[in-house]
Amino acid sequence: MPHVFVIDNADKMKLASYIDALRVANFDISCSKIDIFKESESKLSKKFVQVQNGCNHDCTYCVTRLLRGPNVSFPYNEILADVRQTIQDGFYEIVLTGVDTASYVRIEDGKPILLADICARLLKDVPEIKHLRLSSIDPASPEIPKIIDLMGKDSRFMPHLHLSMQSGSDTILHAMRRRHDSKKLMELVSLADGKVSFSADIICGFPGENDELFNETVDMVRKMGLIHVHAFPYSPRPDTVAATMPNQINRSVSKERVKIIDKIANENRQKFMTRQIGKTVSVLVEENNIGRTPDDIDIKIEGKTIPNKMICDVKIIGVQDGGFVGNF
């Protein structure tokens, strides 16, 4: 990637590491900017298509908005061209992505075009799409009900949503300046009615998160039946409000809480997967006869070798090592 230098993980909190890297960088950092990045990893079986960049929100823990700038939504004709090129390149599963994908908005003929509209248009305008997915989405987005409805109407729209949930405690969500609450989360689960599965990001050990508030998140993970959680310990970032909040949580406590969340999510996942045995699902084959189900779970496909990028119907016959086993 042009205009990029790498800081070792062990040195990422050391100012001198950045100063040294900038000193030897072979580009002018003051004018470096990425509006849209279209390069992709050639080994992937799916293609990520960026529809948006930047963020207009002010979450107290996040530095991304400071680095990426305000929301910019790309024109539909550019997105459509990218998707059509993707199909020509032999990719049939497409993931729409952005910094804050749910904030997508363009004005066209005096009318707003939102994320659900983009999804519906692509499914109509590019019938060759076999699988369409969304990357992480803000639970507060009013687009989610429309997206869930569209998933029910078009089987090519994969019935799984990854929520940028961050916490299940209303107190912590308020401190984070998130735009949803626990009631909203449960409304989405109710709306999905078992036809759409959910995974989520969760920050453990946010300032002020005592045991009682953490247990509210634990309860929410159980009640929502999240089949996967990307849980990680809170880390203070320079120039963010949360970095100066009182009651900072010891990192060792945060790490233990991550383990607790992971355990519960794994239990949810195991129960969910057991209920899927016997079903036939549309699978994207990624590598070595390992595929990805509509619910974004690995499946080992027994039988003949299937080429990468192929999408095929596979019958789920069992659960093994955290993934499915299936017959083609």
C-alpha atoms as a PDB file:
ATOM      1  CA  MET A   1       0.000   0.000   0.000  1.00  0.00           C
ATOM      2  CA  PRO A   2       1.359   3.443  -0.902  1.00  0.00           C
ATOM      3  CA  HIS A   3       1.877   6.078   1.793  1.00  0.00           C
ATOM      4  CA  VAL A   4       1.991   3.531   4.606  1.00  0.00           C
ATOM      5  CA  PHE A   5       4.618   2.747   7.205  1.00  0.00           C
ATOM      6  CA  VAL A   6       4.397   0.041   9.857  1.00  0.00           C
ATOM      7  CA  ILE A   7       4.934   0.394  13.586  1.00  0.00           C
ATOM      8  CA  ASP A   8       5.599  -2.838  15.465  1.00  0.00           C
ATOM      9  CA  ASN A   9       2.869  -3.705  17.927  1.00  0.00           C
ATOM     10  CA  ALA A  10       5.347  -3.669  20.798  1.00  0.00           C
ATOM     11  CA  ASP A  11       6.286  -0.057  19.939  1.00  0.00           C
ATOM     12  CA  LYS A  12       2.868   1.371  19.060  1.00  0.00           C
ATOM     13  CA  MET A  13       2.566   3.398  22.284  1.00  0.00           C
ATOM     14  CA  LYS A  14       6.043   4.937  21.938  1.00  0.00           C
ATOM     15  CA  LEU A  15       6.102   8.387  20.355  1.00  0.00           C
ATOM     16  CA  ALA A  16       9.729   7.934  19.278  1.00  0.00           C
ATOM     17  CA  SER A  17       8.717   5.033  17.026  1.00  0.00           C
ATOM     18  CA  TYR A  18       6.478   7.306  14.972  1.00  0.00           C
ATOM     19  CA  ILE A  19       9.026  10.093  14.850  1.00  0.00           C
ATOM     20  CA  ASP A  20      11.689   7.678  13.582  1.00  0.00           C
ATOM     21  CA  ALA A  21       9.300   6.216  10.986  1.00  0.00           C
ATOM     22  CA  LEU A  22       8.308   9.663   9.707  1.00  0.00           C
ATOM     23  CA  ARG A  23      11.948  10.684   9.451  1.00  0.00           C
ATOM     24  CA  VAL A  24      12.715   7.943   6.933  1.00  0.00           C
ATOM     25  CA  ALA A  25       9.328   7.872   5.156  1.00  0.00           C
ATOM     26  CA  ASN A  26       9.654   8.277   1.377  1.00  0.00           C
ATOM     27  CA  PHE A  27       6.510  10.371   1.027  1.00  0.00           C
ATOM     28  CA  ASP A  28       5.082  13.651   2.302  1.00  0.00           C
ATOM     29  CA  ILE A  29       2.881  12.703   5.263  1.00  0.00           C
ATOM     30  CA  SER A  30       1.243  16.130   5.259  1.00  0.00           C
ATOM     31  CA  CYS A  31      -0.550  15.508   1.971  1.00  0.00           C
ATOM     32  CA  SER A  32      -1.281  11.790   2.321  1.00  0.00           C
ATOM     33  CA  LYS A  33      -4.979  10.968   2.108  1.00  0.00           C
ATOM     34  CA  ILE A  34      -7.006   7.905   1.137  1.00  0.00           C
ATOM     35  CA  ASP A  35     -10.521   8.690  -0.082  1.00  0.00           C
ATOM     36  CA  ILE A  36     -11.251   5.190  -1.332  1.00  0.00           C
ATOM     37  CA  PHE A  37      -9.029   2.133  -1.376  1.00  0.00           C
ATOM     38  CA  LYS A  38      -9.927  -0.366  -4.090  1.00  0.00           C
ATOM     39  CA  GLU A  39      -7.062  -2.814  -3.840  1.00  0.00           C
ATOM     40  CA  SER A  40      -7.986  -6.272  -2.548  1.00  0.00           C
ATOM     41  CA  GLU A  41      -6.239  -9.365  -1.296  1.00  0.00           C
ATOM     42  CA  SER A  42      -6.016 -11.701  -4.300  1.00  0.00           C
ATOM     43  CA  LYS A  43      -6.290 -14.811  -2.114  1.00  0.00           C
ATOM     44  CA  LEU A  44      -9.729 -13.883  -0.804  1.00  0.00           C
ATOM     45  CA  SER A  45     -12.801 -15.596  -2.188  1.00  0.00           C
ATOM     46  CA  LYS A  46     -15.038 -12.604  -1.503  1.00  0.00           C
ATOM     47  CA  LYS A  47     -14.662  -8.957  -2.480  1.00  0.00           C
ATOM     48  CA  PHE A  48     -15.065  -5.933  -0.249  1.00  0.00           C
ATOM     49  CA  VAL A  49     -16.616  -2.904  -1.945  1.00  0.00           C
ATOM     50  CA  GLN A  50     -16.300   0.389  -0.118  1.00  0.00           C
ATOM     51  CA  VAL A  51     -19.438   2.535  -0.194  1.00  0.00           C
ATOM     52  CA  GLN A  52     -18.523   5.139   2.400  1.00  0.00           C
ATOM     53  CA  ASN A  53     -15.663   6.649   4.407  1.00  0.00           C
ATOM     54  CA  GLY A  54     -15.352   8.813   7.517  1.00  0.00           C
ATOM     55  CA  CYS A  55     -17.669   9.319  10.483  1.00  0.00           C
ATOM     56  CA  ASN A  56     -19.790  12.172  11.831  1.00  0.00           C
ATOM     57  CA  HIS A  57     -20.292  10.746  15.337  1.00  0.00           C
ATOM     58  CA  ASP A  58     -18.383  11.576  18.515  1.00  0.00           C
ATOM     59  CA  CYS A  59     -18.036   8.378  20.530  1.00  0.00           C
ATOM     60  CA  THR A  60     -15.885   9.189  23.531  1.00  0.00           C
ATOM     61  CA  TYR A  61     -13.412   6.322  23.026  1.00  0.00           C
ATOM     62  CA  CYS A  62     -12.855   6.559  19.278  1.00  0.00           C
ATOM     63  CA  VAL A  63     -10.010   8.218  17.417  1.00  0.00           C
ATOM     64  CA  THR A  64     -11.087   6.965  13.973  1.00  0.00           C
ATOM     65  CA  ARG A  65     -13.262   9.988  13.250  1.00  0.00           C
ATOM     66  CA  LEU A  66     -10.268  12.253  13.980  1.00  0.00           C
ATOM     67  CA  LEU A  67      -8.141  10.357  11.483  1.00  0.00           C
ATOM     68  CA  ARG A  68     -10.679   9.667   8.710  1.00  0.00           C
ATOM     69  CA  GLY A  69     -12.652  12.904   8.748  1.00  0.00           C
ATOM     70  CA  PRO A  70     -16.401  13.386   8.201  1.00  0.00           C
ATOM     71  CA  ASN A  71     -18.779  11.021   6.444  1.00  0.00           C
ATOM     72  CA  VAL A  72     -18.351  10.754   2.680  1.00  0.00           C
ATOM     73  CA  SER A  73     -20.767   8.527   0.736  1.00  0.00           C
ATOM     74  CA  PHE A  74     -19.743   7.432  -2.736  1.00  0.00           C
ATOM     75  CA  PRO A  75     -22.094   7.823  -5.750  1.00  0.00           C
ATOM     76  CA  TYR A  76     -24.187   4.794  -6.635  1.00  0.00           C
ATOM     77  CA  ASN A  77     -22.887   4.660 -10.195  1.00  0.00           C
ATOM     78  CA  GLU A  78     -19.335   4.260  -8.855  1.00  0.00           C
ATOM     79  CA  ILE A  79     -20.420   1.522  -6.450  1.00  0.00           C
ATOM     80  CA  LEU A  80     -22.343  -0.225  -9.236  1.00  0.00           C
ATOM     81  CA  ALA A  81     -19.288  -0.082 -11.512  1.00  0.00           C
ATOM     82  CA  ASP A  82     -17.111  -1.576  -8.744  1.00  0.00           C
ATOM     83  CA  VAL A  83     -19.587  -4.415  -8.169  1.00  0.00           C
ATOM     84  CA  ARG A  84     -19.902  -5.197 -11.872  1.00  0.00           C
ATOM     85  CA  GLN A  85     -16.110  -5.255 -12.195  1.00  0.00           C
ATOM     86  CA  THR A  86     -15.983  -7.562  -9.184  1.00  0.00           C
ATOM     87  CA  ILE A  87     -18.341 -10.001 -10.921  1.00  0.00           C
ATOM     88  CA  GLN A  88     -16.194  -9.872 -14.066  1.00  0.00           C
ATOM     89  CA  ASP A  89     -13.170 -10.677 -11.878  1.00  0.00           C
ATOM     90  CA  GLY A  90     -14.885 -13.874 -10.731  1.00  0.00           C
ATOM     91  CA  PHE A  91     -16.131 -12.867  -7.261  1.00  0.00           C
ATOM     92  CA  TYR A  92     -19.743 -13.715  -6.457  1.00  0.00           C
ATOM     93  CA  GLU A  93     -19.847 -12.798  -2.766  1.00  0.00           C
ATOM     94  CA  ILE A  94     -19.657  -9.070  -2.156  1.00  0.00           C
ATOM     95  CA  VAL A  95     -19.320  -7.280   1.181  1.00  0.00           C
ATOM     96  CA  LEU A  96     -20.335  -3.621   1.341  1.00  0.00           C
ATOM     97  CA  THR A  97     -18.084  -1.810   3.758  1.00  0.00           C
ATOM     98  CA  GLY A  98     -17.098   1.586   5.137  1.00  0.00           C
ATOM     99  CA  VAL A  99     -15.950   3.317   8.300  1.00  0.00           C
ATOM    100  CA  ASP A 100     -19.595   3.901   9.290  1.00  0.00           C
ATOM    101  CA  THR A 101     -21.509   2.004   6.617  1.00  0.00           C
ATOM    102  CA  ALA A 102     -24.909   2.700   8.194  1.00  0.00           C
ATOM    103  CA  SER A 103     -24.388   6.460   7.656  1.00  0.00           C
ATOM    104  CA  TYR A 104     -24.460   6.111   3.877  1.00  0.00           C
ATOM    105  CA  VAL A 105     -26.590   8.888   2.354  1.00  0.00           C
ATOM    106  CA  ARG A 106     -26.678  10.563  -1.062  1.00  0.00           C
ATOM    107  CA  ILE A 107     -29.234  12.947  -2.513  1.00  0.00           C
ATOM    108  CA  GLU A 108     -30.436  11.842  -5.936  1.00  0.00           C
ATOM    109  CA  ASP A 109     -33.185  13.695  -7.831  1.00  0.00           C
ATOM    110  CA  GLY A 110     -33.942  15.544  -4.619  1.00  0.00           C
ATOM    111  CA  LYS A 111     -34.456  12.331  -2.627  1.00  0.00           C
ATOM    112  CA  PRO A 112     -32.128  10.694  -0.079  1.00  0.00           C
ATOM    113  CA  ILE A 113     -30.580   7.371  -1.059  1.00  0.00           C
ATOM    114  CA  LEU A 114     -29.717   5.315   2.028  1.00  0.00           C
ATOM    115  CA  LEU A 115     -27.935   2.033   2.736  1.00  0.00           C
ATOM    116  CA  ALA A 116     -30.963  -0.233   2.298  1.00  0.00           C
ATOM    117  CA  ASP A 117     -31.674   1.478  -1.036  1.00  0.00           C
ATOM    118  CA  ILE A 118     -28.124   0.731  -2.203  1.00  0.00           C
ATOM    119  CA  CYS A 119     -28.512  -2.938  -1.249  1.00  0.00           C
ATOM    120  CA  ALA A 120     -31.860  -3.256  -3.030  1.00  0.00           C
ATOM    121  CA  ARG A 121     -30.537  -1.542  -6.145  1.00  0.00           C
ATOM    122  CA  LEU A 122     -27.459  -3.732  -6.375  1.00  0.00           C
ATOM    123  CA  LEU A 123     -29.490  -6.933  -6.019  1.00  0.00           C
ATOM    124  CA  LYS A 124     -31.770  -5.708  -8.828  1.00  0.00           C
ATOM    125  CA  ASP A 125     -29.141  -4.199 -11.132  1.00  0.00           C
ATOM    126  CA  VAL A 126     -26.580  -7.015 -10.773  1.00  0.00           C
ATOM    127  CA  PRO A 127     -28.478 -10.323 -10.869  1.00  0.00           C
ATOM    128  CA  GLU A 128     -25.136 -12.161 -11.053  1.00  0.00           C
ATOM    129  CA  ILE A 129     -24.540 -11.392  -7.353  1.00  0.00           C
ATOM    130  CA  LYS A 130     -24.952 -14.661  -5.475  1.00  0.00           C
ATOM    131  CA  HIS A 131     -24.143 -13.454  -1.962  1.00  0.00           C
ATOM    132  CA  LEU A 132     -24.389  -9.902  -0.608  1.00  0.00           C
ATOM    133  CA  ARG A 133     -23.209  -9.019   2.898  1.00  0.00           C
ATOM    134  CA  LEU A 134     -22.719  -5.943   5.050  1.00  0.00           C
ATOM    135  CA  SER A 135     -19.718  -5.229   7.236  1.00  0.00           C
ATOM    136  CA  SER A 136     -20.195  -3.907  10.780  1.00  0.00           C
ATOM    137  CA  ILE A 137     -23.291  -1.740  11.214  1.00  0.00           C
ATOM    138  CA  ASP A 138     -24.392   0.722  13.902  1.00  0.00           C
ATOM    139  CA  PRO A 139     -27.329  -0.739  15.910  1.00  0.00           C
ATOM    140  CA  ALA A 140     -28.893   2.740  16.075  1.00  0.00           C
ATOM    141  CA  SER A 141     -29.346   2.877  12.302  1.00  0.00           C
ATOM    142  CA  PRO A 142     -32.987   3.239  11.182  1.00  0.00           C
ATOM    143  CA  GLU A 143     -31.940   1.303   8.082  1.00  0.00           C
ATOM    144  CA  ILE A 144     -31.688  -2.026   9.912  1.00  0.00           C
ATOM    145  CA  PRO A 145     -35.431  -2.853   9.844  1.00  0.00           C
ATOM    146  CA  LYS A 146     -35.459  -2.261   6.082  1.00  0.00           C
ATOM    147  CA  ILE A 147     -32.318  -4.363   5.692  1.00  0.00           C
ATOM    148  CA  ILE A 148     -33.819  -7.245   7.689  1.00  0.00           C
ATOM    149  CA  ASP A 149     -36.955  -7.031   5.540  1.00  0.00           C
ATOM    150  CA  LEU A 150     -34.856  -7.137   2.367  1.00  0.00           C
ATOM    151  CA  MET A 151     -32.946 -10.163   3.670  1.00  0.00           C
ATOM    152  CA  GLY A 152     -36.263 -11.949   4.021  1.00  0.00           C
ATOM    153  CA  LYS A 153     -37.272 -11.093   0.470  1.00  0.00           C
ATOM    154  CA  ASP A 154     -34.027 -11.926  -1.360  1.00  0.00           C
ATOM    155  CA  SER A 155     -32.125 -15.070  -0.376  1.00  0.00           C
ATOM    156  CA  ARG A 156     -28.946 -13.651  -1.922  1.00  0.00           C
ATOM    157  CA  PHE A 157     -28.741 -11.116   0.918  1.00  0.00           C
ATOM    158  CA  MET A 158     -27.017 -13.115   3.668  1.00  0.00           C
ATOM    159  CA  PRO A 159     -29.105 -13.138   6.886  1.00  0.00           C
ATOM    160  CA  HIS A 160     -26.407 -12.075   9.312  1.00  0.00           C
ATOM    161  CA  LEU A 161     -25.568  -8.699  10.855  1.00  0.00           C
ATOM    162  CA  HIS A 162     -22.481  -7.698  12.809  1.00  0.00           C
ATOM    163  CA  LEU A 163     -23.394  -4.900  15.217  1.00  0.00           C
ATOM    164  CA  SER A 164     -20.998  -2.262  16.555  1.00  0.00           C
ATOM    165  CA  MET A 165     -22.689  -2.823  19.908  1.00  0.00           C
ATOM    166  CA  GLN A 166     -19.751  -2.027  22.260  1.00  0.00           C
ATOM    167  CA  SER A 167     -21.738  -2.635  25.472  1.00  0.00           C
ATOM    168  CA  GLY A 168     -25.034  -3.973  26.764  1.00  0.00           C
ATOM    169  CA  SER A 169     -25.202  -1.538  29.672  1.00  0.00           C
ATOM    170  CA  ASP A 170     -27.223   1.635  29.143  1.00  0.00           C
ATOM    171  CA  THR A 171     -24.997   3.472  31.629  1.00  0.00           C
ATOM    172  CA  ILE A 172     -21.845   2.596  29.692  1.00  0.00           C
ATOM    173  CA  LEU A 173     -23.469   3.227  26.306  1.00  0.00           C
ATOM    174  CA  HIS A 174     -24.395   6.709  27.506  1.00  0.00           C
ATOM    175  CA  ALA A 175     -20.828   7.330  28.693  1.00  0.00           C
ATOM    176  CA  MET A 176     -19.585   6.171  25.295  1.00  0.00           C
ATOM    177  CA  ARG A 177     -22.032   8.549  23.541  1.00  0.00           C
ATOM    178  CA  ARG A 178     -23.439   5.684  21.573  1.00  0.00           C
ATOM    179  CA  ARG A 179     -26.802   6.251  19.898  1.00  0.00           C
ATOM    180  CA  HIS A 180     -28.546   3.032  20.918  1.00  0.00           C
ATOM    181  CA  ASP A 181     -29.570   1.409  24.190  1.00  0.00           C
ATOM    182  CA  SER A 182     -30.358  -2.101  25.421  1.00  0.00           C
ATOM    183  CA  LYS A 183     -34.021  -1.719  24.428  1.00  0.00           C
ATOM    184  CA  LYS A 184     -33.006  -1.002  20.833  1.00  0.00           C
ATOM    185  CA  LEU A 185     -30.799  -4.091  20.766  1.00  0.00           C
ATOM    186  CA  MET A 186     -33.628  -6.336  21.892  1.00  0.00           C
ATOM    187  CA  GLU A 187     -35.982  -4.707  19.370  1.00  0.00           C
ATOM    188  CA  LEU A 188     -33.619  -5.775  16.572  1.00  0.00           C
ATOM    189  CA  VAL A 189     -33.539  -9.353  17.874  1.00  0.00           C
ATOM    190  CA  SER A 190     -37.323  -9.385  18.057  1.00  0.00           C
ATOM    191  CA  LEU A 191     -37.622  -7.952  14.565  1.00  0.00           C
ATOM    192  CA  ALA A 192     -35.257 -10.591  13.173  1.00  0.00           C
ATOM    193  CA  ASP A 193     -37.477 -13.292  14.721  1.00  0.00           C
ATOM    194  CA  GLY A 194     -34.790 -15.950  14.419  1.00  0.00           C
ATOM    195  CA  LYS A 195     -34.419 -15.420  10.658  1.00  0.00           C
ATOM    196  CA  VAL A 196     -31.290 -13.238  10.983  1.00  0.00           C
ATOM    197  CA  SER A 197     -28.324 -14.050  13.221  1.00  0.00           C
ATOM    198  CA  PHE A 198     -26.222 -11.461  15.037  1.00  0.00           C
ATOM    199  CA  SER A 199     -22.613 -10.987  16.079  1.00  0.00           C
ATOM    200  CA  ALA A 200     -21.101  -7.902  17.713  1.00  0.00           C
ATOM    201  CA  ASP A 201     -18.114  -5.860  18.858  1.00  0.00           C
ATOM    202  CA  ILE A 202     -17.867  -5.341  22.622  1.00  0.00           C
ATOM    203  CA  ILE A 203     -15.407  -3.215  24.568  1.00  0.00           C
ATOM    204  CA  CYS A 204     -14.598  -4.624  28.016  1.00  0.00           C
ATOM    205  CA  GLY A 205     -13.347  -2.438  30.862  1.00  0.00           C
ATOM    206  CA  PHE A 206     -14.574   0.951  29.659  1.00  0.00           C
ATOM    207  CA  PRO A 207     -13.983   3.618  32.348  1.00  0.00           C
ATOM    208  CA  GLY A 208     -16.585   3.263  35.082  1.00  0.00           C
ATOM    209  CA  GLU A 209     -17.615  -0.257  34.123  1.00  0.00           C
ATOM    210  CA  ASN A 210     -17.956  -1.917  37.526  1.00  0.00           C
ATOM    211  CA  ASP A 211     -18.960  -5.547  37.996  1.00  0.00           C
ATOM    212  CA  GLU A 212     -22.672  -4.724  38.017  1.00  0.00           C
ATOM    213  CA  LEU A 213     -22.511  -2.831  34.723  1.00  0.00           C
ATOM    214  CA  PHE A 214     -20.354  -5.500  33.124  1.00  0.00           C
ATOM    215  CA  ASN A 215     -22.916  -8.121  34.136  1.00  0.00           C
ATOM    216  CA  GLU A 216     -25.553  -6.112  32.259  1.00  0.00           C
ATOM    217  CA  THR A 217     -23.494  -6.675  29.111  1.00  0.00           C
ATOM    218  CA  VAL A 218     -23.093 -10.361  29.979  1.00  0.00           C
ATOM    219  CA  ASP A 219     -26.870 -10.703  30.292  1.00  0.00           C
ATOM    220  CA  MET A 220     -27.395  -8.899  26.976  1.00  0.00           C
ATOM    221  CA  VAL A 221     -24.991 -11.202  25.133  1.00  0.00           C
ATOM    222  CA  ARG A 222     -27.004 -14.164  26.425  1.00  0.00           C
ATOM    223  CA  LYS A 223     -30.418 -12.661  25.666  1.00  0.00           C
ATOM    224  CA  MET A 224     -29.434 -11.597  22.158  1.00  0.00           C
ATOM    225  CA  GLY A 225     -27.951 -15.015  21.424  1.00  0.00           C
ATOM    226  CA  LEU A 226     -24.900 -13.451  19.756  1.00  0.00           C
ATOM    227  CA  ILE A 227     -23.147 -16.236  17.843  1.00  0.00           C
ATOM    228  CA  HIS A 228     -19.810 -14.432  17.730  1.00  0.00           C
ATOM    229  CA  VAL A 229     -18.390 -11.535  19.710  1.00  0.00           C
ATOM    230  CA  HIS A 230     -15.255  -9.582  18.916  1.00  0.00           C
ATOM    231  CA  ALA A 231     -14.542  -8.656  22.531  1.00  0.00           C
ATOM    232  CA  PHE A 232     -11.452  -6.621  23.359  1.00  0.00           C
ATOM    233  CA  PRO A 233     -10.136  -4.679  26.366  1.00  0.00           C
ATOM    234  CA  TYR A 234     -10.602  -0.918  26.364  1.00  0.00           C
ATOM    235  CA  SER A 235      -7.475   1.064  25.482  1.00  0.00           C
ATOM    236  CA  PRO A 236      -7.312   4.840  26.048  1.00  0.00           C
ATOM    237  CA  ARG A 237      -6.553   6.821  22.896  1.00  0.00           C
ATOM    238  CA  PRO A 238      -4.950  10.283  22.889  1.00  0.00           C
ATOM    239  CA  ASP A 239      -7.317  13.235  22.331  1.00  0.00           C
ATOM    240  CA  THR A 240     -10.424  11.221  23.239  1.00  0.00           C
ATOM    241  CA  VAL A 241     -12.794  12.075  26.082  1.00  0.00           C
ATOM    242  CA  ALA A 242     -12.682   8.574  27.555  1.00  0.00           C
ATOM    243  CA  ALA A 243      -8.918   8.736  28.033  1.00  0.00           C
ATOM    244  CA  THR A 244      -9.393  11.381  30.738  1.00  0.00           C
ATOM    245  CA  MET A 245     -12.450   9.848  32.417  1.00  0.00           C
ATOM    246  CA  PRO A 246     -12.196   8.809  36.078  1.00  0.00           C
ATOM    247  CA  ASN A 247     -12.456   5.189  37.226  1.00  0.00           C
ATOM    248  CA  GLN A 248     -10.166   3.710  34.584  1.00  0.00           C
ATOM    249  CA  ILE A 249     -10.277  -0.093  34.761  1.00  0.00           C
ATOM    250  CA  ASN A 250      -7.145  -2.167  35.320  1.00  0.00           C
ATOM    251  CA  ARG A 251      -6.239  -3.875  32.068  1.00  0.00           C
ATOM    252  CA  SER A 252      -5.949  -7.278  33.750  1.00  0.00           C
ATOM    253  CA  VAL A 253      -9.625  -6.961  34.774  1.00  0.00           C
ATOM    254  CA  SER A 254     -10.581  -5.984  31.233  1.00  0.00           C
ATOM    255  CA  LYS A 255      -8.798  -9.020  29.820  1.00  0.00           C
ATOM    256  CA  GLU A 256     -10.620 -11.355  32.218  1.00  0.00           C
ATOM    257  CA  ARG A 257     -13.902  -9.833  31.140  1.00  0.00           C
ATOM    258  CA  VAL A 258     -13.017 -10.526  27.507  1.00  0.00           C
ATOM    259  CA  LYS A 259     -12.614 -14.200  28.411  1.00  0.00           C
ATOM    260  CA  ILE A 260     -16.034 -14.244  30.083  1.00  0.00           C
ATOM    261  CA  ILE A 261     -17.734 -12.691  27.050  1.00  0.00           C
ATOM    262  CA  ASP A 262     -15.932 -15.065  24.684  1.00  0.00           C
ATOM    263  CA  LYS A 263     -17.080 -18.067  26.734  1.00  0.00           C
ATOM    264  CA  ILE A 264     -20.724 -17.005  26.623  1.00  0.00           C
ATOM    265  CA  ALA A 265     -20.574 -16.246  22.897  1.00  0.00           C
ATOM    266  CA  ASN A 266     -19.090 -19.689  22.273  1.00  0.00           C
ATOM    267  CA  GLU A 267     -21.953 -21.257  24.242  1.00  0.00           C
ATOM    268  CA  ASN A 268     -24.461 -19.278  22.168  1.00  0.00           C
ATOM    269  CA  ARG A 269     -22.721 -20.333  18.987  1.00  0.00           C
ATOM    270  CA  GLN A 270     -22.724 -24.013  19.945  1.00  0.00           C
ATOM    271  CA  LYS A 271     -26.471 -23.962  20.657  1.00  0.00           C
ATOM    272  CA  PHE A 272     -27.152 -22.108  17.407  1.00  0.00           C
ATOM    273  CA  MET A 273     -25.037 -24.491  15.360  1.00  0.00           C
ATOM    274  CA  THR A 274     -26.688 -27.570  16.849  1.00  0.00           C
ATOM    275  CA  ARG A 275     -30.066 -26.245  15.670  1.00  0.00           C
ATOM    276  CA  GLN A 276     -28.756 -25.927  12.108  1.00  0.00           C
ATOM    277  CA  ILE A 277     -27.853 -29.614  11.663  1.00  0.00           C
ATOM    278  CA  GLY A 278     -29.813 -31.113   8.800  1.00  0.00           C
ATOM    279  CA  LYS A 279     -30.323 -27.830   6.941  1.00  0.00           C
ATOM    280  CA  THR A 280     -29.027 -27.179   3.417  1.00  0.00           C
ATOM    281  CA  VAL A 281     -27.379 -23.777   3.055  1.00  0.00           C
ATOM    282  CA  SER A 282     -25.662 -21.715   0.362  1.00  0.00           C
ATOM    283  CA  VAL A 283     -21.925 -21.776   1.034  1.00  0.00           C
ATOM    284  CA  LEU A 284     -19.015 -19.730  -0.316  1.00  0.00           C
ATOM    285  CA  VAL A 285     -15.961 -21.995  -0.689  1.00  0.00           C
ATOM    286  CA  GLU A 286     -12.851 -20.158   0.481  1.00  0.00           C
ATOM    287  CA  GLU A 287      -9.911 -22.577   0.634  1.00  0.00           C
ATOM    288  CA  ASN A 288      -9.206 -26.305   0.993  1.00  0.00           C
ATOM    289  CA  ASN A 289     -12.919 -27.180   0.944  1.00  0.00           C
ATOM    290  CA  ILE A 290     -13.553 -24.838   3.869  1.00  0.00           C
ATOM    291  CA  GLY A 291     -16.534 -22.597   3.219  1.00  0.00           C
ATOM    292  CA  ARG A 292     -18.566 -19.880   4.875  1.00  0.00           C
ATOM    293  CA  THR A 293     -22.265 -20.308   5.651  1.00  0.00           C
ATOM    294  CA  PRO A 294     -24.866 -17.502   5.379  1.00  0.00           C
ATOM    295  CA  ASP A 295     -24.445 -16.964   9.144  1.00  0.00           C
ATOM    296  CA  ASP A 296     -20.704 -16.406   8.611  1.00  0.00           C
ATOM    297  CA  ILE A 297     -19.602 -19.677  10.202  1.00  0.00           C
ATOM    298  CA  ASP A 298     -16.875 -21.956   8.840  1.00  0.00           C
ATOM    299  CA  ILE A 299     -17.982 -25.252   7.316  1.00  0.00           C
ATOM    300  CA  LYS A 300     -15.729 -28.146   6.331  1.00  0.00           C
ATOM    301  CA  ILE A 301     -17.149 -29.714   3.182  1.00  0.00           C
ATOM    302  CA  GLU A 302     -16.691 -33.453   2.760  1.00  0.00           C
ATOM    303  CA  GLY A 303     -16.568 -35.123  -0.615  1.00  0.00           C
ATOM    304  CA  LYS A 304     -14.992 -33.968  -3.848  1.00  0.00           C
ATOM    305  CA  THR A 305     -12.699 -30.935  -4.056  1.00  0.00           C
ATOM    306  CA  ILE A 306     -14.544 -27.698  -4.779  1.00  0.00           C
ATOM    307  CA  PRO A 307     -12.804 -24.712  -6.420  1.00  0.00           C
ATOM    308  CA  ASN A 308     -12.287 -21.540  -4.385  1.00  0.00           C
ATOM    309  CA  LYS A 309     -14.874 -18.754  -4.908  1.00  0.00           C
ATOM    310  CA  MET A 310     -17.539 -21.274  -5.889  1.00  0.00           C
ATOM    311  CA  ILE A 311     -20.918 -20.928  -4.205  1.00  0.00           C
ATOM    312  CA  CYS A 312     -22.805 -24.183  -3.717  1.00  0.00           C
ATOM    313  CA  ASP A 313     -25.547 -25.777  -1.630  1.00  0.00           C
ATOM    314  CA  VAL A 314     -24.189 -27.829   1.261  1.00  0.00           C
ATOM    315  CA  LYS A 315     -26.073 -29.950   3.775  1.00  0.00           C
ATOM    316  CA  ILE A 316     -24.963 -29.445   7.395  1.00  0.00           C
ATOM    317  CA  ILE A 317     -24.369 -32.848   8.966  1.00  0.00           C
ATOM    318  CA  GLY A 318     -22.516 -31.992  12.160  1.00  0.00           C
ATOM    319  CA  VAL A 319     -20.486 -29.637  14.341  1.00  0.00           C
ATOM    320  CA  GLN A 320     -16.750 -30.014  14.869  1.00  0.00           C
ATOM    321  CA  ASP A 321     -13.991 -27.773  16.309  1.00  0.00           C
ATOM    322  CA  GLY A 322     -16.195 -24.690  16.418  1.00  0.00           C
ATOM    323  CA  GLY A 323     -17.405 -25.050  12.836  1.00  0.00           C
ATOM    324  CA  PHE A 324     -19.832 -27.027  10.756  1.00  0.00           C
ATOM    325  CA  VAL A 325     -19.256 -30.221   8.800  1.00  0.00           C
ATOM    326  CA  GLY A 326     -21.231 -30.594   5.587  1.00  0.00           C
ATOM    327  CA  ASN A 327     -21.850 -32.750   2.534  1.00  0.00           C
ATOM    328  CA  PHE A 328     -21.789 -31.406  -1.010  1.00  0.00           C
END
